[in-house]
């Protein structure tokens, strides 16, 4: 399996504006985590001006579908997002038999 980082750039008043959508966003994230797709996720701290989510899958479709269905994106809290493939070298999920891309 491969890894993909989803990066969010958010609006200035994101911490306040996310409140009405937070439960739905977290439900989407929890469902992805329960399926084993979303490995880690969280907002940047001090300042809260973005977020990063790490997905695992055969390609970036899972991360892309997440962003396209995320209430934060759909309601304008995320100004832009992009996905980058990420090569794990060390970590709990590291598999030495799978070469990094």
PDB file of N, CA and C in Angstrom:
ATOM      1  N   UNK A   1       0.833  -1.186   0.000  1.00  0.00           N
ATOM      2  CA  UNK A   1       0.000   0.000   0.000  1.00  0.00           C
ATOM      3  C   UNK A   1       0.876   1.247   0.000  1.00  0.00           C
ATOM      4  N   UNK A   2       0.312   2.306  -0.516  1.00  0.00           N
ATOM      5  CA  UNK A   2       1.015   3.583  -0.601  1.00  0.00           C
ATOM      6  C   UNK A   2       0.365   4.585   0.360  1.00  0.00           C
ATOM      7  N   UNK A   3       1.073   5.662   0.621  1.00  0.00           N
ATOM      8  CA  UNK A   3       0.599   6.696   1.535  1.00  0.00           C
ATOM      9  C   UNK A   3       0.435   8.014   0.797  1.00  0.00           C
ATOM     10  N   UNK A   4      -0.589   8.773   1.213  1.00  0.00           N
ATOM     11  CA  UNK A   4      -0.895  10.055   0.593  1.00  0.00           C
ATOM     12  C   UNK A   4      -1.259  11.059   1.672  1.00  0.00           C
ATOM     13  N   UNK A   5      -0.605  12.203   1.632  1.00  0.00           N
ATOM     14  CA  UNK A   5      -0.910  13.302   2.541  1.00  0.00           C
ATOM     15  C   UNK A   5      -1.877  14.260   1.855  1.00  0.00           C
ATOM     16  N   UNK A   6      -2.942  14.563   2.554  1.00  0.00           N
ATOM     17  CA  UNK A   6      -3.910  15.557   2.106  1.00  0.00           C
ATOM     18  C   UNK A   6      -3.677  16.806   2.947  1.00  0.00           C
ATOM     19  N   UNK A   7      -3.354  17.904   2.293  1.00  0.00           N
ATOM     20  CA  UNK A   7      -3.090  19.172   2.968  1.00  0.00           C
ATOM     21  C   UNK A   7      -4.254  20.126   2.742  1.00  0.00           C
ATOM     22  N   UNK A   8      -4.694  20.768   3.812  1.00  0.00           N
ATOM     23  CA  UNK A   8      -5.737  21.785   3.745  1.00  0.00           C
ATOM     24  C   UNK A   8      -5.150  23.142   4.104  1.00  0.00           C
ATOM     25  N   UNK A   9      -5.486  24.155   3.319  1.00  0.00           N
ATOM     26  CA  UNK A   9      -5.254  25.556   3.672  1.00  0.00           C
ATOM     27  C   UNK A   9      -6.634  26.114   3.994  1.00  0.00           C
ATOM     28  N   UNK A  10      -6.788  26.700   5.182  1.00  0.00           N
ATOM     29  CA  UNK A  10      -8.119  27.081   5.655  1.00  0.00           C
ATOM     30  C   UNK A  10      -8.287  28.597   5.778  1.00  0.00           C
ATOM     31  N   UNK A  11      -9.540  29.015   5.915  1.00  0.00           N
ATOM     32  CA  UNK A  11      -9.876  30.429   6.070  1.00  0.00           C
ATOM     33  C   UNK A  11      -9.357  30.946   7.413  1.00  0.00           C
ATOM     34  N   UNK A  12      -9.219  32.266   7.515  1.00  0.00           N
ATOM     35  CA  UNK A  12      -8.660  32.890   8.718  1.00  0.00           C
ATOM     36  C   UNK A  12      -9.440  32.556   9.990  1.00  0.00           C
ATOM     37  N   UNK A  13     -10.747  32.554   9.929  1.00  0.00           N
ATOM     38  CA  UNK A  13     -11.559  32.304  11.125  1.00  0.00           C
ATOM     39  C   UNK A  13     -12.027  30.847  11.209  1.00  0.00           C
ATOM     40  N   UNK A  14     -11.207  29.962  10.723  1.00  0.00           N
ATOM     41  CA  UNK A  14     -11.518  28.534  10.670  1.00  0.00           C
ATOM     42  C   UNK A  14     -11.951  27.936  12.011  1.00  0.00           C
ATOM     43  N   UNK A  15     -11.228  28.177  13.133  1.00  0.00           N
ATOM     44  CA  UNK A  15     -11.651  27.551  14.390  1.00  0.00           C
ATOM     45  C   UNK A  15     -13.090  27.876  14.776  1.00  0.00           C
ATOM     46  N   UNK A  16     -13.509  29.084  14.497  1.00  0.00           N
ATOM     47  CA  UNK A  16     -14.883  29.481  14.826  1.00  0.00           C
ATOM     48  C   UNK A  16     -15.879  28.959  13.787  1.00  0.00           C
ATOM     49  N   UNK A  17     -15.547  29.081  12.529  1.00  0.00           N
ATOM     50  CA  UNK A  17     -16.477  28.700  11.453  1.00  0.00           C
ATOM     51  C   UNK A  17     -16.674  27.201  11.314  1.00  0.00           C
ATOM     52  N   UNK A  18     -15.750  26.395  11.828  1.00  0.00           N
ATOM     53  CA  UNK A  18     -15.883  24.944  11.668  1.00  0.00           C
ATOM     54  C   UNK A  18     -16.922  24.326  12.606  1.00  0.00           C
ATOM     55  N   UNK A  19     -17.306  25.032  13.651  1.00  0.00           N
ATOM     56  CA  UNK A  19     -18.184  24.470  14.681  1.00  0.00           C
ATOM     57  C   UNK A  19     -19.451  23.814  14.132  1.00  0.00           C
ATOM     58  N   UNK A  20     -20.206  24.437  13.222  1.00  0.00           N
ATOM     59  CA  UNK A  20     -21.435  23.790  12.744  1.00  0.00           C
ATOM     60  C   UNK A  20     -21.193  22.519  11.915  1.00  0.00           C
ATOM     61  N   UNK A  21     -19.985  22.357  11.399  1.00  0.00           N
ATOM     62  CA  UNK A  21     -19.676  21.234  10.501  1.00  0.00           C
ATOM     63  C   UNK A  21     -18.769  20.192  11.142  1.00  0.00           C
ATOM     64  N   UNK A  22     -18.308  20.471  12.354  1.00  0.00           N
ATOM     65  CA  UNK A  22     -17.302  19.623  12.987  1.00  0.00           C
ATOM     66  C   UNK A  22     -17.782  18.185  13.205  1.00  0.00           C
ATOM     67  N   UNK A  23     -18.990  17.999  13.683  1.00  0.00           N
ATOM     68  CA  UNK A  23     -19.489  16.644  13.944  1.00  0.00           C
ATOM     69  C   UNK A  23     -19.526  15.817  12.655  1.00  0.00           C
ATOM     70  N   UNK A  24     -19.992  16.422  11.562  1.00  0.00           N
ATOM     71  CA  UNK A  24     -20.046  15.699  10.284  1.00  0.00           C
ATOM     72  C   UNK A  24     -18.643  15.426   9.739  1.00  0.00           C
ATOM     73  N   UNK A  25     -17.745  16.388   9.883  1.00  0.00           N
ATOM     74  CA  UNK A  25     -16.358  16.193   9.450  1.00  0.00           C
ATOM     75  C   UNK A  25     -15.712  15.048  10.219  1.00  0.00           C
ATOM     76  N   UNK A  26     -15.901  15.059  11.543  1.00  0.00           N
ATOM     77  CA  UNK A  26     -15.298  14.011  12.368  1.00  0.00           C
ATOM     78  C   UNK A  26     -15.916  12.646  12.082  1.00  0.00           C
ATOM     79  N   UNK A  27     -17.201  12.606  11.797  1.00  0.00           N
ATOM     80  CA  UNK A  27     -17.848  11.329  11.441  1.00  0.00           C
ATOM     81  C   UNK A  27     -17.251  10.777  10.146  1.00  0.00           C
ATOM     82  N   UNK A  28     -17.022  11.649   9.180  1.00  0.00           N
ATOM     83  CA  UNK A  28     -16.397  11.240   7.922  1.00  0.00           C
ATOM     84  C   UNK A  28     -14.983  10.707   8.180  1.00  0.00           C
ATOM     85  N   UNK A  29     -14.234  11.406   9.022  1.00  0.00           N
ATOM     86  CA  UNK A  29     -12.872  10.994   9.345  1.00  0.00           C
ATOM     87  C   UNK A  29     -12.861   9.676  10.118  1.00  0.00           C
ATOM     88  N   UNK A  30     -13.743   9.534  11.079  1.00  0.00           N
ATOM     89  CA  UNK A  30     -13.794   8.289  11.856  1.00  0.00           C
ATOM     90  C   UNK A  30     -14.144   7.102  10.973  1.00  0.00           C
ATOM     91  N   UNK A  31     -15.072   7.287  10.058  1.00  0.00           N
ATOM     92  CA  UNK A  31     -15.445   6.199   9.149  1.00  0.00           C
ATOM     93  C   UNK A  31     -14.252   5.789   8.282  1.00  0.00           C
ATOM     94  N   UNK A  32     -13.509   6.765   7.783  1.00  0.00           N
ATOM     95  CA  UNK A  32     -12.324   6.469   6.972  1.00  0.00           C
ATOM     96  C   UNK A  32     -11.263   5.766   7.813  1.00  0.00           C
ATOM     97  N   UNK A  33     -11.125   6.171   9.070  1.00  0.00           N
ATOM     98  CA  UNK A  33     -10.156   5.524   9.961  1.00  0.00           C
ATOM     99  C   UNK A  33     -10.570   4.082  10.262  1.00  0.00           C
ATOM    100  N   UNK A  34     -11.855   3.868  10.496  1.00  0.00           N
ATOM    101  CA  UNK A  34     -12.340   2.513  10.779  1.00  0.00           C
ATOM    102  C   UNK A  34     -12.132   1.577   9.591  1.00  0.00           C
ATOM    103  N   UNK A  35     -12.173   2.112   8.387  1.00  0.00           N
ATOM    104  CA  UNK A  35     -11.912   1.304   7.191  1.00  0.00           C
ATOM    105  C   UNK A  35     -10.411   1.099   6.953  1.00  0.00           C
ATOM    106  N   UNK A  36      -9.580   1.759   7.752  1.00  0.00           N
ATOM    107  CA  UNK A  36      -8.135   1.635   7.606  1.00  0.00           C
ATOM    108  C   UNK A  36      -7.547   2.549   6.557  1.00  0.00           C
ATOM    109  N   UNK A  37      -8.334   3.468   6.035  1.00  0.00           N
ATOM    110  CA  UNK A  37      -7.874   4.387   4.992  1.00  0.00           C
ATOM    111  C   UNK A  37      -7.154   5.598   5.574  1.00  0.00           C
ATOM    112  N   UNK A  38      -7.727   6.188   6.597  1.00  0.00           N
ATOM    113  CA  UNK A  38      -7.156   7.367   7.238  1.00  0.00           C
ATOM    114  C   UNK A  38      -6.332   6.906   8.431  1.00  0.00           C
ATOM    115  N   UNK A  39      -5.045   7.195   8.409  1.00  0.00           N
ATOM    116  CA  UNK A  39      -4.139   6.728   9.461  1.00  0.00           C
ATOM    117  C   UNK A  39      -3.949   7.775  10.554  1.00  0.00           C
ATOM    118  N   UNK A  40      -3.749   9.036  10.178  1.00  0.00           N
ATOM    119  CA  UNK A  40      -3.548  10.126  11.119  1.00  0.00           C
ATOM    120  C   UNK A  40      -4.152  11.389  10.529  1.00  0.00           C
ATOM    121  N   UNK A  41      -4.653  12.267  11.403  1.00  0.00           N
ATOM    122  CA  UNK A  41      -5.227  13.520  10.919  1.00  0.00           C
ATOM    123  C   UNK A  41      -5.235  14.542  12.044  1.00  0.00           C
ATOM    124  N   UNK A  42      -5.107  15.801  11.654  1.00  0.00           N
ATOM    125  CA  UNK A  42      -5.218  16.859  12.640  1.00  0.00           C
ATOM    126  C   UNK A  42      -4.935  18.215  12.047  1.00  0.00           C
ATOM    127  N   UNK A  43      -5.417  19.232  12.763  1.00  0.00           N
ATOM    128  CA  UNK A  43      -5.193  20.619  12.362  1.00  0.00           C
ATOM    129  C   UNK A  43      -3.829  21.068  12.875  1.00  0.00           C
ATOM    130  N   UNK A  44      -3.250  22.032  12.183  1.00  0.00           N
ATOM    131  CA  UNK A  44      -2.009  22.647  12.657  1.00  0.00           C
ATOM    132  C   UNK A  44      -2.319  23.407  13.951  1.00  0.00           C
ATOM    133  N   UNK A  45      -1.323  23.558  14.776  1.00  0.00           N
ATOM    134  CA  UNK A  45      -1.501  24.250  16.051  1.00  0.00           C
ATOM    135  C   UNK A  45      -0.756  25.585  16.043  1.00  0.00           C
ATOM    136  N   UNK A  46      -1.383  26.576  16.622  1.00  0.00           N
ATOM    137  CA  UNK A  46      -0.798  27.873  16.934  1.00  0.00           C
ATOM    138  C   UNK A  46       0.087  28.458  15.838  1.00  0.00           C
ATOM    139  N   UNK A  47      -0.447  28.934  14.765  1.00  0.00           N
ATOM    140  CA  UNK A  47      -1.861  29.187  14.510  1.00  0.00           C
ATOM    141  C   UNK A  47      -2.555  28.001  13.826  1.00  0.00           C
ATOM    142  N   UNK A  48      -3.850  27.954  13.998  1.00  0.00           N
ATOM    143  CA  UNK A  48      -4.665  26.927  13.354  1.00  0.00           C
ATOM    144  C   UNK A  48      -4.988  27.439  11.948  1.00  0.00           C
ATOM    145  N   UNK A  49      -4.039  27.207  11.031  1.00  0.00           N
ATOM    146  CA  UNK A  49      -4.198  27.753   9.680  1.00  0.00           C
ATOM    147  C   UNK A  49      -4.159  26.678   8.598  1.00  0.00           C
ATOM    148  N   UNK A  50      -4.352  25.438   8.993  1.00  0.00           N
ATOM    149  CA  UNK A  50      -4.367  24.345   8.031  1.00  0.00           C
ATOM    150  C   UNK A  50      -4.476  23.021   8.736  1.00  0.00           C
ATOM    151  N   UNK A  51      -4.416  21.958   7.946  1.00  0.00           N
ATOM    152  CA  UNK A  51      -4.499  20.607   8.492  1.00  0.00           C
ATOM    153  C   UNK A  51      -3.786  19.650   7.556  1.00  0.00           C
ATOM    154  N   UNK A  52      -3.438  18.486   8.088  1.00  0.00           N
ATOM    155  CA  UNK A  52      -2.842  17.427   7.289  1.00  0.00           C
ATOM    156  C   UNK A  52      -3.484  16.100   7.680  1.00  0.00           C
ATOM    157  N   UNK A  53      -3.762  15.281   6.676  1.00  0.00           N
ATOM    158  CA  UNK A  53      -4.378  13.978   6.888  1.00  0.00           C
ATOM    159  C   UNK A  53      -3.587  12.947   6.094  1.00  0.00           C
ATOM    160  N   UNK A  54      -3.233  11.853   6.728  1.00  0.00           N
ATOM    161  CA  UNK A  54      -2.438  10.815   6.086  1.00  0.00           C
ATOM    162  C   UNK A  54      -3.332   9.620   5.757  1.00  0.00           C
ATOM    163  N   UNK A  55      -3.411   9.310   4.468  1.00  0.00           N
ATOM    164  CA  UNK A  55      -4.226   8.198   3.986  1.00  0.00           C
ATOM    165  C   UNK A  55      -3.338   7.072   3.486  1.00  0.00           C
ATOM    166  N   UNK A  56      -3.883   5.866   3.526  1.00  0.00           N
ATOM    167  CA  UNK A  56      -3.182   4.679   3.015  1.00  0.00           C
ATOM    168  C   UNK A  56      -4.096   3.990   2.013  1.00  0.00           C
ATOM    169  N   UNK A  57      -3.548   3.695   0.827  1.00  0.00           N
ATOM    170  CA  UNK A  57      -4.339   3.029  -0.200  1.00  0.00           C
ATOM    171  C   UNK A  57      -3.522   2.773  -1.446  1.00  0.00           C
ATOM    172  N   UNK A  58      -4.138   2.185  -2.453  1.00  0.00           N
ATOM    173  CA  UNK A  58      -3.409   1.874  -3.676  1.00  0.00           C
ATOM    174  C   UNK A  58      -3.083   3.097  -4.529  1.00  0.00           C
ATOM    175  N   UNK A  59      -3.860   4.170  -4.361  1.00  0.00           N
ATOM    176  CA  UNK A  59      -3.640   5.413  -5.106  1.00  0.00           C
ATOM    177  C   UNK A  59      -4.290   6.552  -4.333  1.00  0.00           C
ATOM    178  N   UNK A  60      -4.307   7.745  -4.917  1.00  0.00           N
ATOM    179  CA  UNK A  60      -4.802   8.912  -4.177  1.00  0.00           C
ATOM    180  C   UNK A  60      -6.321   9.070  -4.208  1.00  0.00           C
ATOM    181  N   UNK A  61      -7.029   8.127  -4.800  1.00  0.00           N
ATOM    182  CA  UNK A  61      -8.491   8.270  -4.908  1.00  0.00           C
ATOM    183  C   UNK A  61      -9.194   8.376  -3.563  1.00  0.00           C
ATOM    184  N   UNK A  62      -8.713   7.663  -2.562  1.00  0.00           N
ATOM    185  CA  UNK A  62      -9.349   7.704  -1.243  1.00  0.00           C
ATOM    186  C   UNK A  62      -9.207   9.095  -0.629  1.00  0.00           C
ATOM    187  N   UNK A  63      -8.018   9.660  -0.684  1.00  0.00           N
ATOM    188  CA  UNK A  63      -7.792  11.005  -0.150  1.00  0.00           C
ATOM    189  C   UNK A  63      -8.596  12.039  -0.933  1.00  0.00           C
ATOM    190  N   UNK A  64      -8.627  11.891  -2.247  1.00  0.00           N
ATOM    191  CA  UNK A  64      -9.369  12.820  -3.107  1.00  0.00           C
ATOM    192  C   UNK A  64     -10.869  12.766  -2.792  1.00  0.00           C
ATOM    193  N   UNK A  65     -11.409  11.565  -2.655  1.00  0.00           N
ATOM    194  CA  UNK A  65     -12.841  11.411  -2.345  1.00  0.00           C
ATOM    195  C   UNK A  65     -13.162  11.997  -0.972  1.00  0.00           C
ATOM    196  N   UNK A  66     -12.242  11.822  -0.028  1.00  0.00           N
ATOM    197  CA  UNK A  66     -12.451  12.401   1.290  1.00  0.00           C
ATOM    198  C   UNK A  66     -12.584  13.919   1.180  1.00  0.00           C
ATOM    199  N   UNK A  67     -11.622  14.551   0.537  1.00  0.00           N
ATOM    200  CA  UNK A  67     -11.653  16.011   0.405  1.00  0.00           C
ATOM    201  C   UNK A  67     -12.907  16.473  -0.325  1.00  0.00           C
ATOM    202  N   UNK A  68     -13.256  15.803  -1.392  1.00  0.00           N
ATOM    203  CA  UNK A  68     -14.414  16.218  -2.189  1.00  0.00           C
ATOM    204  C   UNK A  68     -15.735  16.062  -1.438  1.00  0.00           C
ATOM    205  N   UNK A  69     -15.776  15.221  -0.404  1.00  0.00           N
ATOM    206  CA  UNK A  69     -16.990  15.034   0.385  1.00  0.00           C
ATOM    207  C   UNK A  69     -16.935  15.632   1.769  1.00  0.00           C
ATOM    208  N   UNK A  70     -15.845  16.291   2.106  1.00  0.00           N
ATOM    209  CA  UNK A  70     -15.656  16.848   3.444  1.00  0.00           C
ATOM    210  C   UNK A  70     -16.511  18.105   3.620  1.00  0.00           C
ATOM    211  N   UNK A  71     -17.331  18.160   4.683  1.00  0.00           N
ATOM    212  CA  UNK A  71     -18.134  19.360   4.935  1.00  0.00           C
ATOM    213  C   UNK A  71     -17.305  20.632   5.052  1.00  0.00           C
ATOM    214  N   UNK A  72     -16.076  20.537   5.516  1.00  0.00           N
ATOM    215  CA  UNK A  72     -15.220  21.715   5.599  1.00  0.00           C
ATOM    216  C   UNK A  72     -14.904  22.259   4.205  1.00  0.00           C
ATOM    217  N   UNK A  73     -14.671  21.381   3.261  1.00  0.00           N
ATOM    218  CA  UNK A  73     -14.404  21.796   1.879  1.00  0.00           C
ATOM    219  C   UNK A  73     -15.692  22.302   1.238  1.00  0.00           C
ATOM    220  N   UNK A  74     -16.765  21.534   1.390  1.00  0.00           N
ATOM    221  CA  UNK A  74     -18.038  21.865   0.746  1.00  0.00           C
ATOM    222  C   UNK A  74     -18.624  23.181   1.234  1.00  0.00           C
ATOM    223  N   UNK A  75     -18.281  23.589   2.450  1.00  0.00           N
ATOM    224  CA  UNK A  75     -18.835  24.819   3.018  1.00  0.00           C
ATOM    225  C   UNK A  75     -17.848  25.977   3.053  1.00  0.00           C
ATOM    226  N   UNK A  76     -16.769  25.867   2.288  1.00  0.00           N
ATOM    227  CA  UNK A  76     -15.874  27.000   2.095  1.00  0.00           C
ATOM    228  C   UNK A  76     -14.876  27.270   3.199  1.00  0.00           C
ATOM    229  N   UNK A  77     -14.699  26.358   4.142  1.00  0.00           N
ATOM    230  CA  UNK A  77     -13.712  26.568   5.192  1.00  0.00           C
ATOM    231  C   UNK A  77     -12.302  26.264   4.707  1.00  0.00           C
ATOM    232  N   UNK A  78     -12.196  25.398   3.715  1.00  0.00           N
ATOM    233  CA  UNK A  78     -10.911  25.051   3.122  1.00  0.00           C
ATOM    234  C   UNK A  78     -10.761  25.868   1.842  1.00  0.00           C
ATOM    235  N   UNK A  79      -9.781  26.755   1.830  1.00  0.00           N
ATOM    236  CA  UNK A  79      -9.548  27.607   0.662  1.00  0.00           C
ATOM    237  C   UNK A  79      -8.907  26.825  -0.477  1.00  0.00           C
ATOM    238  N   UNK A  80      -8.028  25.895  -0.127  1.00  0.00           N
ATOM    239  CA  UNK A  80      -7.403  25.045  -1.138  1.00  0.00           C
ATOM    240  C   UNK A  80      -6.920  23.765  -0.469  1.00  0.00           C
ATOM    241  N   UNK A  81      -6.776  22.740  -1.286  1.00  0.00           N
ATOM    242  CA  UNK A  81      -6.237  21.482  -0.787  1.00  0.00           C
ATOM    243  C   UNK A  81      -5.426  20.829  -1.896  1.00  0.00           C
ATOM    244  N   UNK A  82      -4.477  19.997  -1.482  1.00  0.00           N
ATOM    245  CA  UNK A  82      -3.709  19.235  -2.449  1.00  0.00           C
ATOM    246  C   UNK A  82      -3.227  17.940  -1.797  1.00  0.00           C
ATOM    247  N   UNK A  83      -2.880  17.002  -2.636  1.00  0.00           N
ATOM    248  CA  UNK A  83      -2.458  15.675  -2.189  1.00  0.00           C
ATOM    249  C   UNK A  83      -1.040  15.427  -2.681  1.00  0.00           C
ATOM    250  N   UNK A  84      -0.222  14.861  -1.812  1.00  0.00           N
ATOM    251  CA  UNK A  84       1.141  14.469  -2.175  1.00  0.00           C
ATOM    252  C   UNK A  84       1.358  13.030  -1.749  1.00  0.00           C
ATOM    253  N   UNK A  85       1.948  12.229  -2.624  1.00  0.00           N
ATOM    254  CA  UNK A  85       2.337  10.894  -2.211  1.00  0.00           C
ATOM    255  C   UNK A  85       3.497  11.025  -1.235  1.00  0.00           C
ATOM    256  N   UNK A  86       3.511  10.153  -0.244  1.00  0.00           N
ATOM    257  CA  UNK A  86       4.493  10.216   0.827  1.00  0.00           C
ATOM    258  C   UNK A  86       5.138   8.849   0.985  1.00  0.00           C
ATOM    259  N   UNK A  87       6.451   8.805   1.080  1.00  0.00           N
ATOM    260  CA  UNK A  87       7.185   7.552   1.247  1.00  0.00           C
ATOM    261  C   UNK A  87       7.541   7.340   2.704  1.00  0.00           C
ATOM    262  N   UNK A  88       6.967   6.305   3.316  1.00  0.00           N
ATOM    263  CA  UNK A  88       7.307   5.979   4.696  1.00  0.00           C
ATOM    264  C   UNK A  88       8.671   5.290   4.723  1.00  0.00           C
ATOM    265  N   UNK A  89       9.522   5.740   5.617  1.00  0.00           N
ATOM    266  CA  UNK A  89      10.839   5.142   5.783  1.00  0.00           C
ATOM    267  C   UNK A  89      10.958   4.497   7.166  1.00  0.00           C
ATOM    268  N   UNK A  90      10.346   5.128   8.160  1.00  0.00           N
ATOM    269  CA  UNK A  90      10.339   4.619   9.525  1.00  0.00           C
ATOM    270  C   UNK A  90       8.954   4.865  10.103  1.00  0.00           C
ATOM    271  N   UNK A  91       8.427   3.892  10.831  1.00  0.00           N
ATOM    272  CA  UNK A  91       7.141   4.080  11.485  1.00  0.00           C
ATOM    273  C   UNK A  91       6.463   2.764  11.778  1.00  0.00           C
ATOM    274  N   UNK A  92       5.389   2.848  12.531  1.00  0.00           N
ATOM    275  CA  UNK A  92       4.664   1.661  12.969  1.00  0.00           C
ATOM    276  C   UNK A  92       4.130   0.836  11.802  1.00  0.00           C
ATOM    277  N   UNK A  93       3.772   1.478  10.702  1.00  0.00           N
ATOM    278  CA  UNK A  93       3.215   0.772   9.548  1.00  0.00           C
ATOM    279  C   UNK A  93       4.269   0.392   8.517  1.00  0.00           C
ATOM    280  N   UNK A  94       5.524   0.678   8.806  1.00  0.00           N
ATOM    281  CA  UNK A  94       6.586   0.449   7.832  1.00  0.00           C
ATOM    282  C   UNK A  94       6.702  -1.031   7.475  1.00  0.00           C
ATOM    283  N   UNK A  95       6.782  -1.310   6.185  1.00  0.00           N
ATOM    284  CA  UNK A  95       6.966  -2.673   5.681  1.00  0.00           C
ATOM    285  C   UNK A  95       8.232  -2.670   4.831  1.00  0.00           C
ATOM    286  N   UNK A  96       9.298  -3.284   5.339  1.00  0.00           N
ATOM    287  CA  UNK A  96      10.579  -3.250   4.627  1.00  0.00           C
ATOM    288  C   UNK A  96      10.532  -3.969   3.280  1.00  0.00           C
ATOM    289  N   UNK A  97       9.485  -4.755   3.039  1.00  0.00           N
ATOM    290  CA  UNK A  97       9.386  -5.494   1.782  1.00  0.00           C
ATOM    291  C   UNK A  97       8.696  -4.674   0.692  1.00  0.00           C
ATOM    292  N   UNK A  98       8.164  -3.515   1.054  1.00  0.00           N
ATOM    293  CA  UNK A  98       7.515  -2.638   0.084  1.00  0.00           C
ATOM    294  C   UNK A  98       8.422  -1.442  -0.135  1.00  0.00           C
ATOM    295  N   UNK A  99       9.075  -1.339  -1.298  1.00  0.00           N
ATOM    296  CA  UNK A  99       9.988  -0.221  -1.531  1.00  0.00           C
ATOM    297  C   UNK A  99       9.226   1.103  -1.597  1.00  0.00           C
ATOM    298  N   UNK A 100       9.801   2.189  -1.069  1.00  0.00           N
ATOM    299  CA  UNK A 100       9.156   3.496  -1.199  1.00  0.00           C
ATOM    300  C   UNK A 100       9.140   3.932  -2.653  1.00  0.00           C
ATOM    301  N   UNK A 101       8.160   4.737  -2.987  1.00  0.00           N
ATOM    302  CA  UNK A 101       8.032   5.247  -4.361  1.00  0.00           C
ATOM    303  C   UNK A 101       8.838   6.500  -4.524  1.00  0.00           C
TER     304      UNK A 101
END
